[in-house]
Amino acid sequence: MQQMIEKASVLIEALPYIQKFRGDTVVVKFGGSIMESEIGYRNILKDVAFMECVGLQPAAENPFQKKCGKHTFSRTLFRACG
């Protein structure tokens, strides 16, 4: 029960930002050790799916092309909420 209360508290705190940026593109940049950890990678994907569900438009920076001197972004294709 305590864990659910803590999650609700975080969502209540985030609500004004979710409302303000609803419909906007949000760049998600990740790489390094997170790419080596399956749990970390899954958590990032859950966060990105949540952003999509609440109306944000997440785009992920491609960490592999950055090493080649290019900065590219790809629109995520998550449709977790319907």
Foldseek 3Di string as FASTA:
>chain_A
DVVVVVVVVVCVVCVVVLVVQAQEEDEDEDDDVCVVDPVSVVVVVVVCLVSVVSRYFYWYWDPVCVVVVDTDIGGDDDDPPD
